């Protein structure tokens, strides 16, 4: 009787190990299918940035506060805030297309 109970316990343990291994294999398969998880906006199956889908599985775009290879700047919600240069000076701001724009201030000449 004790032997039967021990055998059943061992069989149950082996079945649990097999089920656990099958679950791991399934999730490894799902990860390679590039399926978007709940917190992802994209999933291209790699951890590379500058390919349209970031390493954190977010769509790369101008205005995401991350400077991509094709952007000169990216200040997120601050893109497009025009600066005001001082007289004779200059200032640079990041426009809505993630390009640096330099403005020059007027020079006042005394006559």
Foldseek 3Di string as FASTA:
>chain_A
DVVVVVVVVVVVVVVVVVVVVVVVVVVVVVLCVFDDDPPAPGGPNDQPPQPQAHNVRYGDDAQPQDDHPPAPGHNHPQACVDDDADAQGKDWGQHSRRHIDIDGHHHDDDD
